[in-house]
């Protein structure tokens, strides 16, 4: 089931949630970001940003005691989320490519990656 979770860190995460005994497993998590237009601060937009998109299985576990609330998404936001998870990104380092769960290309920099 696709849900939005508010964490005790104030982050809001959207993903496919499985409820376990002590944790929530969130597949293909995205963070909810509110964006304010500087010229018109009363206008806000929302964006879904990949959350931990560099993880191997694109899945995170969150302890239940770290979640303030969990709720269903509005249909239009759920539709946007479903569109995002159907795309892929390539993470590139030299000739190495990895596929993750969103639609951006990420160039990795550094020797320890």
C-alpha atoms as a PDB file:
ATOM      1  CA  UNK A   1       0.000   0.000   0.000  1.00  0.00           C
ATOM      2  CA  UNK A   2       1.303   3.448  -0.917  1.00  0.00           C
ATOM      3  CA  UNK A   3       1.450   5.757   2.089  1.00  0.00           C
ATOM      4  CA  UNK A   4       3.026   8.967   3.314  1.00  0.00           C
ATOM      5  CA  UNK A   5       4.823   8.781   6.661  1.00  0.00           C
ATOM      6  CA  UNK A   6       5.871  11.688   8.884  1.00  0.00           C
ATOM      7  CA  UNK A   7       9.087  10.838  10.727  1.00  0.00           C
ATOM      8  CA  UNK A   8      10.201  12.263  14.067  1.00  0.00           C
ATOM      9  CA  UNK A   9      12.908  14.090  12.079  1.00  0.00           C
ATOM     10  CA  UNK A  10      10.096  16.077  10.356  1.00  0.00           C
ATOM     11  CA  UNK A  11      10.749  14.336   7.040  1.00  0.00           C
ATOM     12  CA  UNK A  12       7.736  13.133   5.092  1.00  0.00           C
ATOM     13  CA  UNK A  13       8.385   9.979   3.075  1.00  0.00           C
ATOM     14  CA  UNK A  14       6.172   8.497   0.346  1.00  0.00           C
ATOM     15  CA  UNK A  15       6.550   4.863  -0.609  1.00  0.00           C
ATOM     16  CA  UNK A  16       5.106   1.413  -0.820  1.00  0.00           C
ATOM     17  CA  UNK A  17       4.774   0.402   2.835  1.00  0.00           C
ATOM     18  CA  UNK A  18       4.782  -3.046   4.380  1.00  0.00           C
ATOM     19  CA  UNK A  19       3.901  -3.199   8.066  1.00  0.00           C
ATOM     20  CA  UNK A  20       6.116  -5.498  10.133  1.00  0.00           C
ATOM     21  CA  UNK A  21       6.174  -6.229  13.855  1.00  0.00           C
ATOM     22  CA  UNK A  22       8.548  -3.395  14.882  1.00  0.00           C
ATOM     23  CA  UNK A  23       9.260  -1.614  11.591  1.00  0.00           C
ATOM     24  CA  UNK A  24       7.774  -0.265   8.403  1.00  0.00           C
ATOM     25  CA  UNK A  25       9.487  -1.402   5.213  1.00  0.00           C
ATOM     26  CA  UNK A  26       9.319   1.360   2.609  1.00  0.00           C
ATOM     27  CA  UNK A  27      10.041   0.400  -0.985  1.00  0.00           C
ATOM     28  CA  UNK A  28      11.033   3.089  -3.496  1.00  0.00           C
ATOM     29  CA  UNK A  29      10.922   5.918  -0.927  1.00  0.00           C
ATOM     30  CA  UNK A  30      10.602   9.566  -1.961  1.00  0.00           C
ATOM     31  CA  UNK A  31      10.846  12.592   0.299  1.00  0.00           C
ATOM     32  CA  UNK A  32       8.146  15.249   0.104  1.00  0.00           C
ATOM     33  CA  UNK A  33       9.684  18.691  -0.394  1.00  0.00           C
ATOM     34  CA  UNK A  34       7.693  21.911  -0.144  1.00  0.00           C
ATOM     35  CA  UNK A  35       9.034  24.645  -2.389  1.00  0.00           C
ATOM     36  CA  UNK A  36       8.285  28.323  -1.840  1.00  0.00           C
ATOM     37  CA  UNK A  37       8.567  30.877  -4.629  1.00  0.00           C
ATOM     38  CA  UNK A  38      10.710  33.737  -3.302  1.00  0.00           C
ATOM     39  CA  UNK A  39       8.850  36.347  -5.312  1.00  0.00           C
ATOM     40  CA  UNK A  40       5.462  35.126  -4.033  1.00  0.00           C
ATOM     41  CA  UNK A  41       6.045  33.421  -0.667  1.00  0.00           C
ATOM     42  CA  UNK A  42       2.354  32.610  -0.288  1.00  0.00           C
ATOM     43  CA  UNK A  43       2.614  30.228  -3.273  1.00  0.00           C
ATOM     44  CA  UNK A  44       3.936  26.759  -2.560  1.00  0.00           C
ATOM     45  CA  UNK A  45       4.725  23.785  -4.727  1.00  0.00           C
ATOM     46  CA  UNK A  46       5.483  20.214  -3.806  1.00  0.00           C
ATOM     47  CA  UNK A  47       8.123  17.909  -5.215  1.00  0.00           C
ATOM     48  CA  UNK A  48       8.898  14.248  -4.678  1.00  0.00           C
ATOM     49  CA  UNK A  49      12.656  13.771  -4.335  1.00  0.00           C
ATOM     50  CA  UNK A  50      14.341  10.328  -4.312  1.00  0.00           C
ATOM     51  CA  UNK A  51      15.097   9.284  -0.739  1.00  0.00           C
ATOM     52  CA  UNK A  52      18.066   6.935  -0.353  1.00  0.00           C
ATOM     53  CA  UNK A  53      17.989   6.184  -4.079  1.00  0.00           C
ATOM     54  CA  UNK A  54      21.533   4.864  -3.839  1.00  0.00           C
ATOM     55  CA  UNK A  55      20.559   1.914  -1.638  1.00  0.00           C
ATOM     56  CA  UNK A  56      21.002  -1.516  -3.190  1.00  0.00           C
ATOM     57  CA  UNK A  57      17.381  -2.676  -3.011  1.00  0.00           C
ATOM     58  CA  UNK A  58      15.734   0.777  -2.952  1.00  0.00           C
ATOM     59  CA  UNK A  59      14.137  -0.226   0.325  1.00  0.00           C
ATOM     60  CA  UNK A  60      14.507   1.161   3.835  1.00  0.00           C
ATOM     61  CA  UNK A  61      13.240  -0.001   7.209  1.00  0.00           C
ATOM     62  CA  UNK A  62      11.982   2.583   9.694  1.00  0.00           C
ATOM     63  CA  UNK A  63      11.341   1.719  13.324  1.00  0.00           C
ATOM     64  CA  UNK A  64       7.690   2.243  14.221  1.00  0.00           C
ATOM     65  CA  UNK A  65       8.634   4.499  17.135  1.00  0.00           C
ATOM     66  CA  UNK A  66      10.282   6.910  14.632  1.00  0.00           C
ATOM     67  CA  UNK A  67       6.983   7.503  12.793  1.00  0.00           C
ATOM     68  CA  UNK A  68       4.667  10.272  14.005  1.00  0.00           C
ATOM     69  CA  UNK A  69       1.822   9.409  11.618  1.00  0.00           C
ATOM     70  CA  UNK A  70       1.040   7.490   8.442  1.00  0.00           C
ATOM     71  CA  UNK A  71      -1.743   8.242   5.955  1.00  0.00           C
ATOM     72  CA  UNK A  72      -3.035   7.591   2.430  1.00  0.00           C
ATOM     73  CA  UNK A  73      -2.054   9.950  -0.378  1.00  0.00           C
ATOM     74  CA  UNK A  74      -4.322  12.210  -2.365  1.00  0.00           C
ATOM     75  CA  UNK A  75      -5.060  10.488  -5.707  1.00  0.00           C
ATOM     76  CA  UNK A  76      -3.163  13.055  -7.815  1.00  0.00           C
ATOM     77  CA  UNK A  77      -0.014  12.690  -5.699  1.00  0.00           C
ATOM     78  CA  UNK A  78      -0.291   8.903  -5.740  1.00  0.00           C
ATOM     79  CA  UNK A  79      -0.540   9.071  -9.530  1.00  0.00           C
ATOM     80  CA  UNK A  80       2.637  11.195  -9.683  1.00  0.00           C
ATOM     81  CA  UNK A  81       4.421   8.745  -7.381  1.00  0.00           C
ATOM     82  CA  UNK A  82       3.366   5.787  -9.542  1.00  0.00           C
ATOM     83  CA  UNK A  83       4.717   7.598 -12.607  1.00  0.00           C
ATOM     84  CA  UNK A  84       8.053   8.191 -10.861  1.00  0.00           C
ATOM     85  CA  UNK A  85       8.572   4.596  -9.749  1.00  0.00           C
ATOM     86  CA  UNK A  86       7.996   3.303 -13.273  1.00  0.00           C
ATOM     87  CA  UNK A  87      11.093   5.179 -14.475  1.00  0.00           C
ATOM     88  CA  UNK A  88      14.748   4.441 -13.750  1.00  0.00           C
ATOM     89  CA  UNK A  89      17.959   6.358 -13.218  1.00  0.00           C
ATOM     90  CA  UNK A  90      21.464   5.374 -14.099  1.00  0.00           C
ATOM     91  CA  UNK A  91      24.201   6.023 -11.580  1.00  0.00           C
ATOM     92  CA  UNK A  92      27.470   6.281 -13.461  1.00  0.00           C
ATOM     93  CA  UNK A  93      31.077   6.028 -12.329  1.00  0.00           C
ATOM     94  CA  UNK A  94      33.397   5.725 -15.267  1.00  0.00           C
ATOM     95  CA  UNK A  95      32.037   2.822 -17.286  1.00  0.00           C
ATOM     96  CA  UNK A  96      29.987   1.420 -14.366  1.00  0.00           C
ATOM     97  CA  UNK A  97      26.235   1.969 -14.516  1.00  0.00           C
ATOM     98  CA  UNK A  98      23.708   1.103 -11.848  1.00  0.00           C
ATOM     99  CA  UNK A  99      19.929   1.321 -12.178  1.00  0.00           C
ATOM    100  CA  UNK A 100      17.982   2.848  -9.332  1.00  0.00           C
ATOM    101  CA  UNK A 101      14.373   3.820  -8.791  1.00  0.00           C
ATOM    102  CA  UNK A 102      13.904   7.246 -10.378  1.00  0.00           C
ATOM    103  CA  UNK A 103      14.619   9.147 -13.566  1.00  0.00           C
ATOM    104  CA  UNK A 104      17.817  11.159 -13.024  1.00  0.00           C
ATOM    105  CA  UNK A 105      21.418  10.461 -13.997  1.00  0.00           C
ATOM    106  CA  UNK A 106      23.824  10.735 -11.084  1.00  0.00           C
ATOM    107  CA  UNK A 107      27.575  11.003 -11.633  1.00  0.00           C
ATOM    108  CA  UNK A 108      29.499   9.571  -8.705  1.00  0.00           C
ATOM    109  CA  UNK A 109      32.636  11.450  -7.672  1.00  0.00           C
ATOM    110  CA  UNK A 110      35.423  10.154  -5.441  1.00  0.00           C
ATOM    111  CA  UNK A 111      37.571   7.084  -4.938  1.00  0.00           C
ATOM    112  CA  UNK A 112      35.489   5.348  -2.263  1.00  0.00           C
ATOM    113  CA  UNK A 113      32.281   4.986  -4.248  1.00  0.00           C
END
